[in-house]
Amino acid sequence: MSEASNGSKKRNRLSKDIWLKHTLSKIGEVGVAGIQIETLAKELNVTKGSFYWHFQDRETLLYETLSYWYISATKAIGLAGKRDFDDPLDRLRYFFTLALNRRHDVPGGSVERALQEWARVSEIAAETTRRVDQDRISLIADAYIELGKSEHQALQTATMALAQIIGLNILSRSQSKRNHAQDTKAFLAVFLPATVGQELPKKDSNNTTGTTEVTASTAG
């Protein structure tokens, strides 16, 4: 068998993960509506037969890509954070630094914005994007609880942190790397107060609103 034939078979046996990863990246460029099987196959240097080896049709590809995004954007990161960082402050720093990278797949990045647009017309996409936000908030809140916040205060602070991350990543499209780095440093100073010599407020059984602690944590 010729070397060219071997190379052709290897291309045709392209793994499903490569298809999913490339499709997710492409969604960030052209949106869900712009995804075309022929274009993907051409960019991956394979025939459409490789696609049909893994997927029944375009709809199957899109929903499996959505699931892949959920696992890679939230589940895998959460597991890695809990596995590699016993200290909740280090875990928060890991989550925040990763989320504020200038990448297409970060919270508020091009991929997520395209999937949010899809969620307007797809209930499955809407449910998945909601679940991603809920899981991200839970991961952040769990770390704040370990650091002494009440559940209510931790959830409130985690929600504000995620909203800030999404906003900064959207704004970063029109900012220089230097400005984004400065914004990231300022964000960490607010939501990781221990990094600037502040102590995280302790639980207060008499404080049921969480207003005092959240204000102290976000005062910068």
N, C-alpha and C. Protein backbone atom coordinates (compact mmCIF):
# COMPACT_ATOMS: atom_id res chain seq x y z
N MET A 1 0.85 -1.20 0.00
CA MET A 1 0.00 0.00 0.00
C MET A 1 0.88 1.25 0.00
N SER A 2 0.54 2.23 -0.82
CA SER A 2 1.38 3.41 -0.96
C SER A 2 1.30 4.30 0.27
N GLU A 3 2.31 5.16 0.41
CA GLU A 3 2.34 6.10 1.53
C GLU A 3 1.20 7.09 1.42
N ALA A 4 0.85 7.46 0.17
CA ALA A 4 -0.25 8.40 -0.05
C ALA A 4 -1.57 7.79 0.41
N SER A 5 -1.75 6.49 0.18
CA SER A 5 -2.99 5.82 0.60
C SER A 5 -3.09 5.78 2.11
N ASN A 6 -1.94 5.51 2.77
CA ASN A 6 -1.93 5.50 4.24
C ASN A 6 -2.30 6.87 4.79
N GLY A 7 -1.74 7.92 4.17
CA GLY A 7 -2.04 9.26 4.63
C GLY A 7 -3.50 9.60 4.45
N SER A 8 -4.08 9.14 3.32
CA SER A 8 -5.49 9.39 3.07
C SER A 8 -6.37 8.71 4.10
N LYS A 9 -6.04 7.48 4.47
CA LYS A 9 -6.84 6.76 5.46
C LYS A 9 -6.74 7.43 6.82
N LYS A 10 -5.55 7.92 7.17
CA LYS A 10 -5.39 8.58 8.46
C LYS A 10 -6.24 9.85 8.50
N ARG A 11 -6.28 10.59 7.38
CA ARG A 11 -7.08 11.80 7.34
C ARG A 11 -8.56 11.48 7.48
N ASN A 12 -8.98 10.39 6.84
CA ASN A 12 -10.38 10.00 6.88
C ASN A 12 -10.78 9.48 8.25
N ARG A 13 -9.79 9.09 9.06
CA ARG A 13 -10.11 8.60 10.40
C ARG A 13 -9.86 9.67 11.46
N LEU A 14 -9.95 10.90 11.05
CA LEU A 14 -9.78 12.01 11.97
C LEU A 14 -10.70 11.82 13.17
N SER A 15 -10.18 12.03 14.39
CA SER A 15 -10.96 11.75 15.59
C SER A 15 -12.14 12.70 15.75
N LYS A 16 -13.14 12.24 16.48
CA LYS A 16 -14.32 13.06 16.75
C LYS A 16 -13.93 14.32 17.52
N ASP A 17 -13.01 14.20 18.47
CA ASP A 17 -12.61 15.37 19.26
C ASP A 17 -12.04 16.48 18.39
N ILE A 18 -11.29 16.12 17.36
CA ILE A 18 -10.72 17.13 16.47
C ILE A 18 -11.84 17.84 15.71
N TRP A 19 -12.84 17.08 15.26
CA TRP A 19 -13.99 17.67 14.60
C TRP A 19 -14.71 18.64 15.55
N LEU A 20 -14.93 18.21 16.78
CA LEU A 20 -15.67 19.03 17.74
C LEU A 20 -14.91 20.30 18.10
N LYS A 21 -13.62 20.16 18.34
CA LYS A 21 -12.79 21.31 18.71
C LYS A 21 -12.76 22.33 17.57
N HIS A 22 -12.61 21.84 16.34
CA HIS A 22 -12.55 22.75 15.20
C HIS A 22 -13.90 23.42 14.97
N THR A 23 -14.97 22.65 15.12
CA THR A 23 -16.31 23.22 14.94
C THR A 23 -16.58 24.31 15.97
N LEU A 24 -16.17 24.06 17.21
CA LEU A 24 -16.38 25.06 18.26
C LEU A 24 -15.64 26.35 17.94
N SER A 25 -14.40 26.21 17.50
CA SER A 25 -13.62 27.38 17.12
C SER A 25 -14.26 28.12 15.95
N LYS A 26 -14.78 27.36 15.00
CA LYS A 26 -15.41 27.95 13.82
C LYS A 26 -16.70 28.68 14.19
N ILE A 27 -17.43 28.14 15.16
CA ILE A 27 -18.65 28.81 15.62
C ILE A 27 -18.31 30.21 16.14
N GLY A 28 -17.16 30.33 16.81
CA GLY A 28 -16.74 31.64 17.29
C GLY A 28 -16.44 32.62 16.16
N GLU A 29 -16.11 32.09 14.98
CA GLU A 29 -15.79 32.94 13.83
C GLU A 29 -17.03 33.31 13.01
N VAL A 30 -17.89 32.32 12.74
CA VAL A 30 -18.99 32.53 11.78
C VAL A 30 -20.37 32.35 12.39
N GLY A 31 -20.45 31.95 13.66
CA GLY A 31 -21.74 31.69 14.27
C GLY A 31 -22.25 30.30 13.91
N VAL A 32 -23.28 29.86 14.61
CA VAL A 32 -23.84 28.53 14.37
C VAL A 32 -24.44 28.42 12.97
N ALA A 33 -25.11 29.47 12.52
CA ALA A 33 -25.76 29.45 11.21
C ALA A 33 -24.75 29.31 10.07
N GLY A 34 -23.51 29.73 10.31
CA GLY A 34 -22.49 29.68 9.27
C GLY A 34 -21.73 28.37 9.18
N ILE A 35 -22.05 27.41 10.03
CA ILE A 35 -21.34 26.13 10.02
C ILE A 35 -21.79 25.28 8.83
N GLN A 36 -20.82 24.89 8.00
CA GLN A 36 -21.08 24.06 6.84
C GLN A 36 -20.12 22.86 6.84
N ILE A 37 -20.66 21.67 6.62
CA ILE A 37 -19.87 20.44 6.68
C ILE A 37 -18.74 20.48 5.66
N GLU A 38 -19.03 20.89 4.44
CA GLU A 38 -18.02 20.90 3.39
C GLU A 38 -16.86 21.82 3.75
N THR A 39 -17.17 22.97 4.31
CA THR A 39 -16.13 23.92 4.69
C THR A 39 -15.26 23.36 5.80
N LEU A 40 -15.88 22.75 6.80
CA LEU A 40 -15.13 22.15 7.90
C LEU A 40 -14.20 21.05 7.38
N ALA A 41 -14.72 20.19 6.52
CA ALA A 41 -13.93 19.08 5.98
C ALA A 41 -12.73 19.61 5.19
N LYS A 42 -12.96 20.66 4.41
CA LYS A 42 -11.88 21.24 3.63
C LYS A 42 -10.81 21.82 4.54
N GLU A 43 -11.22 22.51 5.59
CA GLU A 43 -10.26 23.11 6.52
C GLU A 43 -9.48 22.05 7.29
N LEU A 44 -10.11 20.91 7.53
CA LEU A 44 -9.45 19.81 8.24
C LEU A 44 -8.70 18.87 7.30
N ASN A 45 -8.80 19.16 6.00
CA ASN A 45 -8.12 18.37 4.98
C ASN A 45 -8.57 16.91 4.97
N VAL A 46 -9.88 16.73 5.07
CA VAL A 46 -10.47 15.38 5.02
C VAL A 46 -11.69 15.41 4.09
N THR A 47 -12.17 14.24 3.75
CA THR A 47 -13.39 14.15 2.95
C THR A 47 -14.61 14.21 3.86
N LYS A 48 -15.78 14.40 3.26
CA LYS A 48 -17.01 14.40 4.06
C LYS A 48 -17.27 13.02 4.65
N GLY A 49 -16.64 12.00 4.11
CA GLY A 49 -16.78 10.65 4.67
C GLY A 49 -16.30 10.59 6.11
N SER A 50 -15.25 11.38 6.42
CA SER A 50 -14.75 11.44 7.79
C SER A 50 -15.81 11.99 8.72
N PHE A 51 -16.54 13.01 8.23
CA PHE A 51 -17.62 13.59 9.03
C PHE A 51 -18.68 12.55 9.31
N TYR A 52 -19.16 11.86 8.29
CA TYR A 52 -20.27 10.91 8.45
C TYR A 52 -19.84 9.64 9.21
N TRP A 53 -18.55 9.45 9.38
CA TRP A 53 -18.07 8.35 10.22
C TRP A 53 -18.42 8.62 11.68
N HIS A 54 -18.44 9.91 12.06
CA HIS A 54 -18.67 10.29 13.46
C HIS A 54 -20.06 10.87 13.72
N PHE A 55 -20.66 11.50 12.71
CA PHE A 55 -21.90 12.24 12.93
C PHE A 55 -22.95 11.87 11.89
N GLN A 56 -24.18 11.83 12.34
CA GLN A 56 -25.27 11.49 11.43
C GLN A 56 -25.57 12.62 10.46
N ASP A 57 -25.56 13.84 10.98
CA ASP A 57 -25.87 15.00 10.15
C ASP A 57 -25.35 16.26 10.84
N ARG A 58 -25.62 17.41 10.24
CA ARG A 58 -25.14 18.69 10.77
C ARG A 58 -25.72 18.97 12.15
N GLU A 59 -27.00 18.65 12.34
CA GLU A 59 -27.64 18.90 13.63
C GLU A 59 -26.96 18.10 14.74
N THR A 60 -26.62 16.85 14.45
CA THR A 60 -25.91 16.02 15.43
C THR A 60 -24.58 16.64 15.79
N LEU A 61 -23.86 17.13 14.77
CA LEU A 61 -22.57 17.80 15.01
C LEU A 61 -22.74 18.99 15.95
N LEU A 62 -23.75 19.81 15.69
CA LEU A 62 -23.93 21.01 16.49
C LEU A 62 -24.26 20.69 17.95
N TYR A 63 -25.13 19.71 18.17
CA TYR A 63 -25.49 19.38 19.55
C TYR A 63 -24.35 18.68 20.29
N GLU A 64 -23.56 17.89 19.58
CA GLU A 64 -22.40 17.27 20.23
C GLU A 64 -21.32 18.31 20.50
N THR A 65 -21.22 19.32 19.64
CA THR A 65 -20.28 20.42 19.88
C THR A 65 -20.71 21.22 21.11
N LEU A 66 -22.01 21.40 21.26
CA LEU A 66 -22.54 22.11 22.43
C LEU A 66 -22.19 21.35 23.71
N SER A 67 -22.34 20.05 23.68
CA SER A 67 -21.99 19.22 24.84
C SER A 67 -20.48 19.27 25.11
N TYR A 68 -19.71 19.25 24.04
CA TYR A 68 -18.24 19.33 24.16
C TYR A 68 -17.84 20.65 24.81
N TRP A 69 -18.52 21.74 24.41
CA TRP A 69 -18.23 23.05 24.99
C TRP A 69 -18.54 23.05 26.49
N TYR A 70 -19.66 22.46 26.87
CA TYR A 70 -20.02 22.42 28.29
C TYR A 70 -18.96 21.68 29.10
N ILE A 71 -18.52 20.54 28.58
CA ILE A 71 -17.53 19.74 29.30
C ILE A 71 -16.19 20.46 29.37
N SER A 72 -15.74 21.03 28.25
CA SER A 72 -14.42 21.66 28.22
C SER A 72 -14.41 23.03 28.89
N ALA A 73 -15.53 23.75 28.80
CA ALA A 73 -15.58 25.11 29.34
C ALA A 73 -15.85 25.15 30.84
N THR A 74 -16.43 24.08 31.38
CA THR A 74 -16.83 24.12 32.78
C THR A 74 -16.39 22.87 33.55
N LYS A 75 -16.87 21.73 33.12
CA LYS A 75 -16.64 20.50 33.87
C LYS A 75 -15.15 20.20 34.05
N ALA A 76 -14.41 20.19 32.95
CA ALA A 76 -12.99 19.84 33.00
C ALA A 76 -12.20 20.85 33.83
N ILE A 77 -12.54 22.13 33.69
CA ILE A 77 -11.84 23.17 34.44
C ILE A 77 -12.14 23.06 35.93
N GLY A 78 -13.40 22.78 36.26
CA GLY A 78 -13.77 22.61 37.66
C GLY A 78 -13.07 21.44 38.30
N LEU A 79 -13.00 20.33 37.60
CA LEU A 79 -12.33 19.14 38.12
C LEU A 79 -10.84 19.40 38.31
N ALA A 80 -10.23 20.07 37.33
CA ALA A 80 -8.80 20.38 37.43
C ALA A 80 -8.52 21.31 38.61
N GLY A 81 -9.38 22.31 38.81
CA GLY A 81 -9.19 23.23 39.91
C GLY A 81 -9.26 22.55 41.26
N LYS A 82 -10.25 21.67 41.41
CA LYS A 82 -10.40 20.97 42.69
C LYS A 82 -9.29 19.94 42.91
N ARG A 83 -8.81 19.36 41.81
CA ARG A 83 -7.76 18.35 41.92
C ARG A 83 -6.40 18.96 42.23
N ASP A 84 -6.11 20.11 41.61
CA ASP A 84 -4.76 20.66 41.67
C ASP A 84 -4.57 21.74 42.73
N PHE A 85 -5.67 22.28 43.28
CA PHE A 85 -5.53 23.40 44.22
C PHE A 85 -6.37 23.15 45.47
N ASP A 86 -5.70 22.74 46.54
CA ASP A 86 -6.40 22.54 47.81
C ASP A 86 -6.77 23.87 48.45
N ASP A 87 -5.91 24.86 48.28
CA ASP A 87 -6.17 26.19 48.84
C ASP A 87 -7.25 26.88 47.99
N PRO A 88 -8.38 27.24 48.58
CA PRO A 88 -9.45 27.87 47.80
C PRO A 88 -9.05 29.19 47.15
N LEU A 89 -8.12 29.92 47.77
CA LEU A 89 -7.66 31.18 47.18
C LEU A 89 -6.87 30.90 45.90
N ASP A 90 -6.02 29.87 45.94
CA ASP A 90 -5.28 29.48 44.73
C ASP A 90 -6.23 28.97 43.65
N ARG A 91 -7.29 28.29 44.08
CA ARG A 91 -8.27 27.77 43.13
C ARG A 91 -9.00 28.92 42.44
N LEU A 92 -9.38 29.93 43.22
CA LEU A 92 -10.02 31.11 42.63
C LEU A 92 -9.08 31.81 41.64
N ARG A 93 -7.83 31.94 42.03
CA ARG A 93 -6.86 32.59 41.14
C ARG A 93 -6.73 31.81 39.83
N TYR A 94 -6.74 30.49 39.93
CA TYR A 94 -6.68 29.64 38.73
C TYR A 94 -7.90 29.87 37.85
N PHE A 95 -9.10 29.83 38.45
CA PHE A 95 -10.33 30.03 37.68
C PHE A 95 -10.34 31.41 37.01
N PHE A 96 -10.02 32.44 37.80
CA PHE A 96 -10.11 33.81 37.29
C PHE A 96 -9.08 34.08 36.19
N THR A 97 -7.85 33.64 36.42
CA THR A 97 -6.80 33.87 35.43
C THR A 97 -7.11 33.17 34.12
N LEU A 98 -7.60 31.95 34.22
CA LEU A 98 -7.97 31.19 33.02
C LEU A 98 -9.12 31.87 32.29
N ALA A 99 -10.09 32.34 33.04
CA ALA A 99 -11.29 32.95 32.44
C ALA A 99 -10.99 34.30 31.79
N LEU A 100 -9.91 34.96 32.21
CA LEU A 100 -9.58 36.27 31.66
C LEU A 100 -8.48 36.22 30.61
N ASN A 101 -8.19 35.02 30.11
CA ASN A 101 -7.27 34.88 28.99
C ASN A 101 -7.89 35.47 27.74
N ARG A 102 -7.07 35.96 26.85
CA ARG A 102 -7.57 36.50 25.58
C ARG A 102 -7.73 35.35 24.58
N ARG A 103 -8.76 34.52 24.84
CA ARG A 103 -9.05 33.38 23.99
C ARG A 103 -10.49 33.45 23.49
N HIS A 104 -10.77 32.67 22.45
CA HIS A 104 -12.12 32.71 21.89
C HIS A 104 -13.14 31.96 22.73
N ASP A 105 -12.66 31.07 23.62
CA ASP A 105 -13.58 30.20 24.35
C ASP A 105 -13.76 30.57 25.82
N VAL A 106 -13.38 31.78 26.20
CA VAL A 106 -13.54 32.23 27.59
C VAL A 106 -14.97 32.73 27.80
N PRO A 107 -15.40 32.90 29.05
CA PRO A 107 -16.73 33.49 29.30
C PRO A 107 -16.84 34.86 28.63
N GLY A 108 -17.87 35.04 27.83
CA GLY A 108 -18.04 36.29 27.12
C GLY A 108 -17.23 36.39 25.84
N GLY A 109 -16.49 35.32 25.50
CA GLY A 109 -15.69 35.30 24.28
C GLY A 109 -16.55 35.06 23.06
N SER A 110 -15.92 35.00 21.90
CA SER A 110 -16.66 34.90 20.64
C SER A 110 -17.47 33.62 20.54
N VAL A 111 -16.95 32.51 21.05
CA VAL A 111 -17.70 31.25 21.00
C VAL A 111 -18.96 31.35 21.84
N GLU A 112 -18.81 31.85 23.04
CA GLU A 112 -19.96 31.93 23.94
C GLU A 112 -21.01 32.92 23.43
N ARG A 113 -20.58 34.00 22.84
CA ARG A 113 -21.54 34.95 22.30
C ARG A 113 -22.33 34.33 21.15
N ALA A 114 -21.67 33.53 20.34
CA ALA A 114 -22.36 32.86 19.23
C ALA A 114 -23.34 31.82 19.76
N LEU A 115 -22.94 31.10 20.81
CA LEU A 115 -23.83 30.09 21.39
C LEU A 115 -25.02 30.75 22.09
N GLN A 116 -24.79 31.90 22.70
CA GLN A 116 -25.90 32.64 23.31
C GLN A 116 -26.90 33.09 22.25
N GLU A 117 -26.39 33.48 21.10
CA GLU A 117 -27.26 33.87 20.00
C GLU A 117 -28.09 32.67 19.55
N TRP A 118 -27.47 31.51 19.45
CA TRP A 118 -28.17 30.27 19.08
C TRP A 118 -29.23 29.94 20.13
N ALA A 119 -28.92 30.22 21.39
CA ALA A 119 -29.83 29.90 22.49
C ALA A 119 -31.15 30.66 22.38
N ARG A 120 -31.18 31.71 21.59
CA ARG A 120 -32.42 32.47 21.41
C ARG A 120 -33.46 31.66 20.63
N VAL A 121 -32.99 30.69 19.84
CA VAL A 121 -33.91 29.90 19.01
C VAL A 121 -33.84 28.41 19.30
N SER A 122 -32.95 28.00 20.18
CA SER A 122 -32.79 26.58 20.51
C SER A 122 -32.91 26.38 22.02
N GLU A 123 -33.90 25.60 22.46
CA GLU A 123 -34.08 25.37 23.88
C GLU A 123 -32.92 24.57 24.46
N ILE A 124 -32.37 23.63 23.68
CA ILE A 124 -31.23 22.84 24.16
C ILE A 124 -30.03 23.74 24.39
N ALA A 125 -29.78 24.64 23.45
CA ALA A 125 -28.66 25.57 23.61
C ALA A 125 -28.91 26.51 24.79
N ALA A 126 -30.15 26.95 24.95
CA ALA A 126 -30.49 27.83 26.07
C ALA A 126 -30.26 27.14 27.41
N GLU A 127 -30.67 25.89 27.51
CA GLU A 127 -30.50 25.13 28.74
C GLU A 127 -29.01 24.90 29.03
N THR A 128 -28.23 24.62 28.00
CA THR A 128 -26.79 24.37 28.19
C THR A 128 -26.07 25.63 28.63
N THR A 129 -26.38 26.76 28.01
CA THR A 129 -25.71 28.00 28.41
C THR A 129 -26.09 28.40 29.83
N ARG A 130 -27.34 28.14 30.22
CA ARG A 130 -27.75 28.42 31.61
C ARG A 130 -26.98 27.51 32.58
N ARG A 131 -26.84 26.25 32.20
CA ARG A 131 -26.15 25.30 33.07
C ARG A 131 -24.67 25.68 33.22
N VAL A 132 -24.05 26.15 32.16
CA VAL A 132 -22.66 26.58 32.22
C VAL A 132 -22.52 27.75 33.21
N ASP A 133 -23.39 28.74 33.09
CA ASP A 133 -23.34 29.88 34.02
C ASP A 133 -23.55 29.42 35.46
N GLN A 134 -24.51 28.55 35.69
CA GLN A 134 -24.80 28.07 37.03
C GLN A 134 -23.61 27.29 37.60
N ASP A 135 -23.01 26.45 36.79
CA ASP A 135 -21.86 25.67 37.25
C ASP A 135 -20.67 26.56 37.57
N ARG A 136 -20.44 27.56 36.72
CA ARG A 136 -19.33 28.48 36.97
C ARG A 136 -19.53 29.22 38.29
N ILE A 137 -20.74 29.70 38.51
CA ILE A 137 -21.04 30.42 39.76
C ILE A 137 -20.85 29.50 40.96
N SER A 138 -21.28 28.25 40.83
CA SER A 138 -21.14 27.29 41.93
C SER A 138 -19.68 27.01 42.25
N LEU A 139 -18.85 26.86 41.21
CA LEU A 139 -17.42 26.61 41.43
C LEU A 139 -16.76 27.76 42.19
N ILE A 140 -17.09 28.98 41.78
CA ILE A 140 -16.51 30.15 42.43
C ILE A 140 -17.06 30.29 43.85
N ALA A 141 -18.37 30.11 43.99
CA ALA A 141 -18.99 30.25 45.31
C ALA A 141 -18.46 29.23 46.30
N ASP A 142 -18.24 28.01 45.85
CA ASP A 142 -17.71 26.97 46.75
C ASP A 142 -16.38 27.39 47.37
N ALA A 143 -15.54 28.02 46.55
CA ALA A 143 -14.24 28.48 47.06
C ALA A 143 -14.43 29.61 48.07
N TYR A 144 -15.34 30.52 47.80
CA TYR A 144 -15.59 31.60 48.76
C TYR A 144 -16.16 31.07 50.07
N ILE A 145 -16.99 30.04 50.00
CA ILE A 145 -17.53 29.44 51.22
C ILE A 145 -16.40 28.84 52.04
N GLU A 146 -15.45 28.18 51.38
CA GLU A 146 -14.29 27.63 52.10
C GLU A 146 -13.47 28.72 52.76
N LEU A 147 -13.53 29.91 52.18
CA LEU A 147 -12.77 31.04 52.74
C LEU A 147 -13.53 31.79 53.83
N GLY A 148 -14.76 31.35 54.14
CA GLY A 148 -15.46 31.92 55.28
C GLY A 148 -16.75 32.66 54.99
N LYS A 149 -17.15 32.76 53.74
CA LYS A 149 -18.39 33.46 53.43
C LYS A 149 -19.59 32.54 53.65
N SER A 150 -20.73 33.14 53.93
CA SER A 150 -21.97 32.37 53.99
C SER A 150 -22.35 31.97 52.57
N GLU A 151 -23.27 31.02 52.45
CA GLU A 151 -23.68 30.56 51.11
C GLU A 151 -24.27 31.71 50.30
N HIS A 152 -25.12 32.50 50.94
CA HIS A 152 -25.76 33.62 50.23
C HIS A 152 -24.71 34.62 49.77
N GLN A 153 -23.79 34.99 50.65
CA GLN A 153 -22.77 35.97 50.30
C GLN A 153 -21.82 35.43 49.23
N ALA A 154 -21.50 34.14 49.32
CA ALA A 154 -20.61 33.53 48.34
C ALA A 154 -21.26 33.52 46.95
N LEU A 155 -22.53 33.16 46.88
CA LEU A 155 -23.23 33.13 45.59
C LEU A 155 -23.34 34.53 45.00
N GLN A 156 -23.59 35.50 45.84
CA GLN A 156 -23.72 36.88 45.37
C GLN A 156 -22.39 37.38 44.81
N THR A 157 -21.32 37.13 45.54
CA THR A 157 -19.99 37.57 45.09
C THR A 157 -19.57 36.82 43.84
N ALA A 158 -19.86 35.53 43.78
CA ALA A 158 -19.51 34.72 42.61
C ALA A 158 -20.25 35.21 41.37
N THR A 159 -21.51 35.57 41.54
CA THR A 159 -22.30 36.08 40.42
C THR A 159 -21.72 37.39 39.90
N MET A 160 -21.35 38.29 40.82
CA MET A 160 -20.74 39.55 40.42
C MET A 160 -19.40 39.33 39.73
N ALA A 161 -18.63 38.37 40.23
CA ALA A 161 -17.32 38.07 39.62
C ALA A 161 -17.49 37.58 38.19
N LEU A 162 -18.43 36.65 37.98
CA LEU A 162 -18.65 36.12 36.64
C LEU A 162 -19.13 37.22 35.69
N ALA A 163 -20.04 38.06 36.17
CA ALA A 163 -20.54 39.16 35.34
C ALA A 163 -19.40 40.10 34.94
N GLN A 164 -18.50 40.35 35.88
CA GLN A 164 -17.36 41.23 35.61
C GLN A 164 -16.43 40.58 34.59
N ILE A 165 -16.20 39.30 34.72
CA ILE A 165 -15.33 38.57 33.77
C ILE A 165 -15.90 38.66 32.35
N ILE A 166 -17.20 38.38 32.23
CA ILE A 166 -17.84 38.43 30.91
C ILE A 166 -17.73 39.83 30.32
N GLY A 167 -17.99 40.84 31.14
CA GLY A 167 -17.89 42.22 30.66
C GLY A 167 -16.49 42.59 30.21
N LEU A 168 -15.49 42.21 31.00
CA LEU A 168 -14.11 42.53 30.64
C LEU A 168 -13.69 41.82 29.35
N ASN A 169 -14.14 40.58 29.18
CA ASN A 169 -13.77 39.85 27.97
C ASN A 169 -14.45 40.43 26.73
N ILE A 170 -15.65 40.95 26.89
CA ILE A 170 -16.31 41.61 25.76
C ILE A 170 -15.58 42.92 25.42
N LEU A 171 -15.23 43.68 26.44
CA LEU A 171 -14.52 44.94 26.22
C LEU A 171 -13.13 44.73 25.64
N SER A 172 -12.52 43.58 25.94
CA SER A 172 -11.14 43.33 25.50
C SER A 172 -11.01 43.30 23.98
N ARG A 173 -12.14 43.12 23.27
CA ARG A 173 -12.08 43.09 21.81
C ARG A 173 -11.54 44.41 21.26
N SER A 174 -11.78 45.50 21.97
CA SER A 174 -11.34 46.81 21.48
C SER A 174 -10.21 47.39 22.33
N GLN A 175 -9.60 46.54 23.14
CA GLN A 175 -8.52 47.00 24.01
C GLN A 175 -7.20 46.36 23.63
N SER A 176 -6.12 47.02 24.02
CA SER A 176 -4.79 46.46 23.80
C SER A 176 -4.52 45.38 24.86
N LYS A 177 -3.52 44.56 24.61
CA LYS A 177 -3.14 43.53 25.58
C LYS A 177 -2.74 44.17 26.91
N ARG A 178 -2.08 45.32 26.82
CA ARG A 178 -1.64 46.00 28.04
C ARG A 178 -2.82 46.43 28.89
N ASN A 179 -3.84 47.01 28.24
CA ASN A 179 -5.02 47.45 28.98
C ASN A 179 -5.76 46.26 29.59
N HIS A 180 -5.84 45.17 28.83
CA HIS A 180 -6.52 43.98 29.36
C HIS A 180 -5.76 43.42 30.55
N ALA A 181 -4.45 43.44 30.49
CA ALA A 181 -3.63 42.95 31.60
C ALA A 181 -3.85 43.81 32.84
N GLN A 182 -3.96 45.11 32.65
CA GLN A 182 -4.22 46.02 33.77
C GLN A 182 -5.60 45.77 34.37
N ASP A 183 -6.58 45.54 33.50
CA ASP A 183 -7.93 45.24 33.98
C ASP A 183 -7.96 43.93 34.74
N THR A 184 -7.21 42.95 34.27
CA THR A 184 -7.15 41.67 34.95
C THR A 184 -6.54 41.82 36.34
N LYS A 185 -5.49 42.62 36.43
CA LYS A 185 -4.84 42.87 37.72
C LYS A 185 -5.81 43.56 38.69
N ALA A 186 -6.56 44.52 38.17
CA ALA A 186 -7.53 45.23 39.01
C ALA A 186 -8.65 44.29 39.46
N PHE A 187 -9.09 43.43 38.57
CA PHE A 187 -10.13 42.46 38.91
C PHE A 187 -9.66 41.54 40.03
N LEU A 188 -8.44 41.02 39.91
CA LEU A 188 -7.92 40.12 40.93
C LEU A 188 -7.77 40.82 42.27
N ALA A 189 -7.43 42.11 42.24
CA ALA A 189 -7.30 42.87 43.49
C ALA A 189 -8.64 42.99 44.20
N VAL A 190 -9.72 43.04 43.42
CA VAL A 190 -11.06 43.16 44.01
C VAL A 190 -11.58 41.82 44.50
N PHE A 191 -11.46 40.79 43.66
CA PHE A 191 -12.09 39.51 44.00
C PHE A 191 -11.15 38.51 44.65
N LEU A 192 -9.86 38.87 44.76
CA LEU A 192 -8.92 38.10 45.58
C LEU A 192 -8.28 39.07 46.56
N PRO A 193 -9.03 39.57 47.53
CA PRO A 193 -8.53 40.62 48.41
C PRO A 193 -7.26 40.25 49.16
N ALA A 194 -7.03 38.95 49.38
CA ALA A 194 -5.84 38.55 50.12
C ALA A 194 -4.57 38.89 49.34
N THR A 195 -4.68 39.07 48.03
CA THR A 195 -3.50 39.37 47.23
C THR A 195 -3.03 40.80 47.42
N VAL A 196 -3.87 41.64 48.03
CA VAL A 196 -3.45 43.02 48.29
C VAL A 196 -3.48 43.32 49.78
N GLY A 197 -3.29 42.27 50.58
CA GLY A 197 -3.15 42.46 52.00
C GLY A 197 -4.44 42.59 52.77
N GLN A 198 -5.59 42.26 52.14
CA GLN A 198 -6.86 42.35 52.85
C GLN A 198 -7.29 40.96 53.26
N GLU A 199 -8.04 40.88 54.33
CA GLU A 199 -8.58 39.61 54.76
C GLU A 199 -10.00 39.45 54.26
N LEU A 200 -10.34 38.24 53.87
CA LEU A 200 -11.72 37.98 53.50
C LEU A 200 -12.60 38.08 54.74
N PRO A 201 -13.73 38.77 54.66
CA PRO A 201 -14.62 38.88 55.82
C PRO A 201 -15.11 37.51 56.26
N LYS A 202 -15.30 37.36 57.54
CA LYS A 202 -15.80 36.10 58.10
C LYS A 202 -17.32 36.08 58.07
N LYS A 203 -17.85 34.89 58.26
CA LYS A 203 -19.30 34.74 58.31
C LYS A 203 -19.86 35.52 59.50
N ASP A 204 -21.00 36.15 59.29
CA ASP A 204 -21.67 36.87 60.35
C ASP A 204 -23.10 36.36 60.44
N SER A 205 -23.37 35.62 61.48
CA SER A 205 -24.69 34.99 61.61
C SER A 205 -25.80 36.02 61.72
N ASN A 206 -25.45 37.28 62.11
CA ASN A 206 -26.47 38.31 62.24
C ASN A 206 -26.71 39.06 60.94
N ASN A 207 -25.85 38.81 59.96
CA ASN A 207 -25.97 39.52 58.68
C ASN A 207 -26.66 38.61 57.69
N THR A 208 -27.91 38.86 57.40
CA THR A 208 -28.69 37.99 56.53
C THR A 208 -28.74 38.49 55.10
N THR A 209 -28.31 39.72 54.87
CA THR A 209 -28.39 40.27 53.51
C THR A 209 -27.10 40.10 52.74
N GLY A 210 -25.96 40.01 53.45
CA GLY A 210 -24.68 39.87 52.76
C GLY A 210 -24.12 41.20 52.26
N THR A 211 -24.82 42.31 52.55
CA THR A 211 -24.42 43.58 51.98
C THR A 211 -23.04 44.01 52.47
N THR A 212 -22.79 43.88 53.77
CA THR A 212 -21.53 44.35 54.33
C THR A 212 -20.36 43.59 53.75
N GLU A 213 -20.46 42.25 53.71
CA GLU A 213 -19.34 41.44 53.26
C GLU A 213 -19.08 41.65 51.77
N VAL A 214 -20.12 41.73 50.96
CA VAL A 214 -19.90 41.89 49.53
C VAL A 214 -19.26 43.24 49.26
N THR A 215 -19.67 44.28 50.01
CA THR A 215 -19.08 45.59 49.83
C THR A 215 -17.61 45.56 50.18
N ALA A 216 -17.26 44.86 51.26
CA ALA A 216 -15.87 44.78 51.67
C ALA A 216 -15.06 44.01 50.67
N SER A 217 -15.65 42.99 50.06
CA SER A 217 -14.91 42.15 49.12
C SER A 217 -14.72 42.82 47.78
N THR A 218 -15.54 43.81 47.50
CA THR A 218 -15.45 44.43 46.17
C THR A 218 -15.00 45.88 46.22
N ALA A 219 -14.50 46.27 47.37
CA ALA A 219 -14.10 47.66 47.52
C ALA A 219 -12.82 47.99 46.77
N GLY A 220 -11.97 46.91 46.55
CA GLY A 220 -10.72 47.14 45.82
C GLY A 220 -9.77 48.00 46.63
